[in-house]
N, C-alpha and C. Protein backbone atom coordinates (compact mmCIF):
# COMPACT_ATOMS: atom_id res chain seq x y z
N MET A 1 0.89 -1.12 0.02
CA MET A 1 -0.03 0.19 0.08
C MET A 1 0.81 1.13 -0.08
N LYS A 2 0.75 2.02 -1.00
CA LYS A 2 1.50 3.36 -1.24
C LYS A 2 0.69 4.25 -0.34
N ILE A 3 1.23 4.93 0.71
CA ILE A 3 0.60 6.08 1.53
C ILE A 3 1.15 7.33 0.99
N ILE A 4 0.16 8.13 0.66
CA ILE A 4 0.42 9.59 0.22
C ILE A 4 0.57 10.35 1.20
N ILE A 5 -0.46 10.51 2.08
CA ILE A 5 -0.52 11.34 3.27
C ILE A 5 -1.01 10.53 4.56
N GLU A 6 -0.46 10.69 5.63
CA GLU A 6 -0.93 10.14 6.87
C GLU A 6 -0.93 11.19 7.84
N THR A 7 -1.93 11.08 8.77
CA THR A 7 -1.95 12.02 9.72
C THR A 7 -2.39 11.15 10.95
N GLU A 8 -2.49 11.74 12.13
CA GLU A 8 -3.12 10.97 13.39
C GLU A 8 -4.40 10.30 13.03
N ARG A 9 -5.28 10.90 12.38
CA ARG A 9 -6.64 10.45 12.15
C ARG A 9 -7.11 9.96 10.76
N THR A 10 -6.05 10.22 9.71
CA THR A 10 -6.43 9.97 8.47
C THR A 10 -5.36 9.28 7.58
N ILE A 11 -5.56 8.31 6.71
CA ILE A 11 -4.57 7.83 5.83
C ILE A 11 -5.11 8.05 4.32
N LEU A 12 -4.42 8.62 3.68
CA LEU A 12 -4.79 8.99 2.02
C LEU A 12 -3.74 7.97 1.51
N ARG A 13 -4.28 6.83 0.75
CA ARG A 13 -3.61 6.16 -0.15
C ARG A 13 -4.19 6.07 -1.61
N GLU A 14 -3.63 5.35 -2.37
CA GLU A 14 -3.86 5.01 -3.72
C GLU A 14 -4.90 4.03 -3.51
N PHE A 15 -5.98 4.19 -4.61
CA PHE A 15 -6.89 3.07 -4.81
C PHE A 15 -6.17 1.62 -5.23
N ASN A 16 -6.83 0.59 -4.83
CA ASN A 16 -6.31 -0.65 -5.30
C ASN A 16 -7.62 -1.39 -5.80
N LYS A 17 -7.33 -2.70 -6.45
CA LYS A 17 -8.38 -3.34 -6.98
C LYS A 17 -9.38 -3.80 -5.90
N ASP A 18 -9.11 -3.96 -4.63
CA ASP A 18 -10.00 -4.30 -3.67
C ASP A 18 -11.12 -3.18 -3.01
N ASP A 19 -10.84 -1.94 -3.59
CA ASP A 19 -11.56 -0.87 -3.26
C ASP A 19 -12.94 -0.56 -4.17
N PHE A 20 -13.06 -1.57 -4.92
CA PHE A 20 -14.25 -1.43 -5.85
C PHE A 20 -15.63 -1.24 -5.34
N GLN A 21 -16.04 -1.75 -4.27
CA GLN A 21 -17.22 -1.45 -3.61
C GLN A 21 -17.23 0.09 -2.81
N ALA A 22 -16.06 0.54 -2.36
CA ALA A 22 -16.15 1.80 -1.99
C ALA A 22 -16.34 2.78 -3.02
N VAL A 23 -15.67 2.39 -4.08
CA VAL A 23 -15.73 3.53 -5.33
C VAL A 23 -17.07 3.38 -5.64
N PHE A 24 -17.58 2.20 -6.01
CA PHE A 24 -19.12 2.15 -6.31
C PHE A 24 -20.04 2.96 -5.35
N ASP A 25 -19.66 2.93 -4.13
CA ASP A 25 -20.70 3.45 -3.11
C ASP A 25 -20.61 4.95 -3.35
N PHE A 26 -19.36 5.66 -3.57
CA PHE A 26 -19.44 7.17 -3.69
C PHE A 26 -19.79 7.21 -5.34
N GLY A 27 -19.40 6.59 -6.14
CA GLY A 27 -19.42 6.76 -7.65
C GLY A 27 -20.89 6.69 -7.96
N SER A 28 -21.86 6.15 -7.16
CA SER A 28 -23.21 5.91 -7.61
C SER A 28 -24.03 6.81 -6.81
N ASN A 29 -23.36 7.66 -6.03
CA ASN A 29 -24.14 8.70 -5.13
C ASN A 29 -24.12 10.03 -5.94
N ARG A 30 -25.76 10.33 -6.41
CA ARG A 30 -25.81 11.54 -7.10
C ARG A 30 -25.18 12.79 -6.17
N GLU A 31 -25.49 12.83 -4.98
CA GLU A 31 -24.92 13.93 -4.20
C GLU A 31 -23.37 14.07 -4.44
N VAL A 32 -22.74 13.02 -4.32
CA VAL A 32 -21.16 13.14 -4.51
C VAL A 32 -21.04 13.65 -6.08
N GLN A 33 -21.54 12.88 -6.95
CA GLN A 33 -21.21 13.20 -8.31
C GLN A 33 -21.56 14.54 -8.73
N LYS A 34 -22.32 15.23 -8.20
CA LYS A 34 -22.67 16.70 -8.65
C LYS A 34 -21.58 17.54 -8.30
N TYR A 35 -20.67 17.24 -7.31
CA TYR A 35 -19.67 17.94 -6.95
C TYR A 35 -18.35 17.41 -7.62
N THR A 36 -18.15 16.21 -8.02
CA THR A 36 -17.05 15.85 -8.74
C THR A 36 -17.03 15.93 -10.38
N GLY A 37 -18.22 15.82 -10.80
CA GLY A 37 -18.27 15.94 -12.32
C GLY A 37 -18.35 14.64 -13.03
N ASP A 38 -17.86 13.72 -12.25
CA ASP A 38 -17.79 12.32 -12.93
C ASP A 38 -19.07 11.77 -13.41
N ASP A 39 -18.81 10.73 -14.10
CA ASP A 39 -20.24 10.11 -14.46
C ASP A 39 -20.69 9.14 -13.51
N LEU A 40 -22.04 9.05 -13.40
CA LEU A 40 -22.61 8.18 -12.19
C LEU A 40 -22.26 6.79 -12.63
N LEU A 41 -21.67 6.01 -11.60
CA LEU A 41 -21.55 4.50 -11.79
C LEU A 41 -22.77 3.83 -11.69
N LYS A 42 -23.08 2.83 -12.49
CA LYS A 42 -24.57 2.14 -12.52
C LYS A 42 -24.40 0.78 -11.96
N SER A 43 -23.13 0.03 -11.74
CA SER A 43 -23.03 -1.17 -11.44
C SER A 43 -21.52 -1.43 -10.77
N LEU A 44 -21.52 -2.39 -9.96
CA LEU A 44 -20.16 -2.88 -9.24
C LEU A 44 -19.23 -3.23 -10.40
N GLU A 45 -19.71 -3.75 -11.67
CA GLU A 45 -18.92 -4.21 -12.71
C GLU A 45 -18.07 -2.98 -13.21
N GLN A 46 -19.06 -1.84 -13.35
CA GLN A 46 -18.40 -0.74 -13.72
C GLN A 46 -17.43 -0.09 -12.97
N ALA A 47 -17.61 -0.22 -11.77
CA ALA A 47 -16.50 0.23 -10.73
C ALA A 47 -15.40 -0.62 -10.84
N LYS A 48 -15.44 -1.95 -10.98
CA LYS A 48 -14.37 -2.72 -11.10
C LYS A 48 -13.37 -2.37 -12.34
N LYS A 49 -14.06 -2.02 -13.51
CA LYS A 49 -13.65 -1.89 -14.82
C LYS A 49 -12.85 -0.51 -14.74
N ASN A 50 -13.52 0.48 -14.08
CA ASN A 50 -12.93 1.91 -14.31
C ASN A 50 -11.78 2.28 -13.19
N TYR A 51 -11.75 1.42 -12.09
CA TYR A 51 -10.67 1.74 -10.99
C TYR A 51 -9.96 0.49 -10.76
């Protein structure tokens, strides 16, 4: 795991292939997507493929 930033309460790291469920959870949320501008994810397969 390549850590980019680490503080006492937070670890920021690169995505890996096992993160697809979390990617789908925020990538399929319209409230999140209106701020990121990314396309809305519609399936877990799409999350696996894109990330």
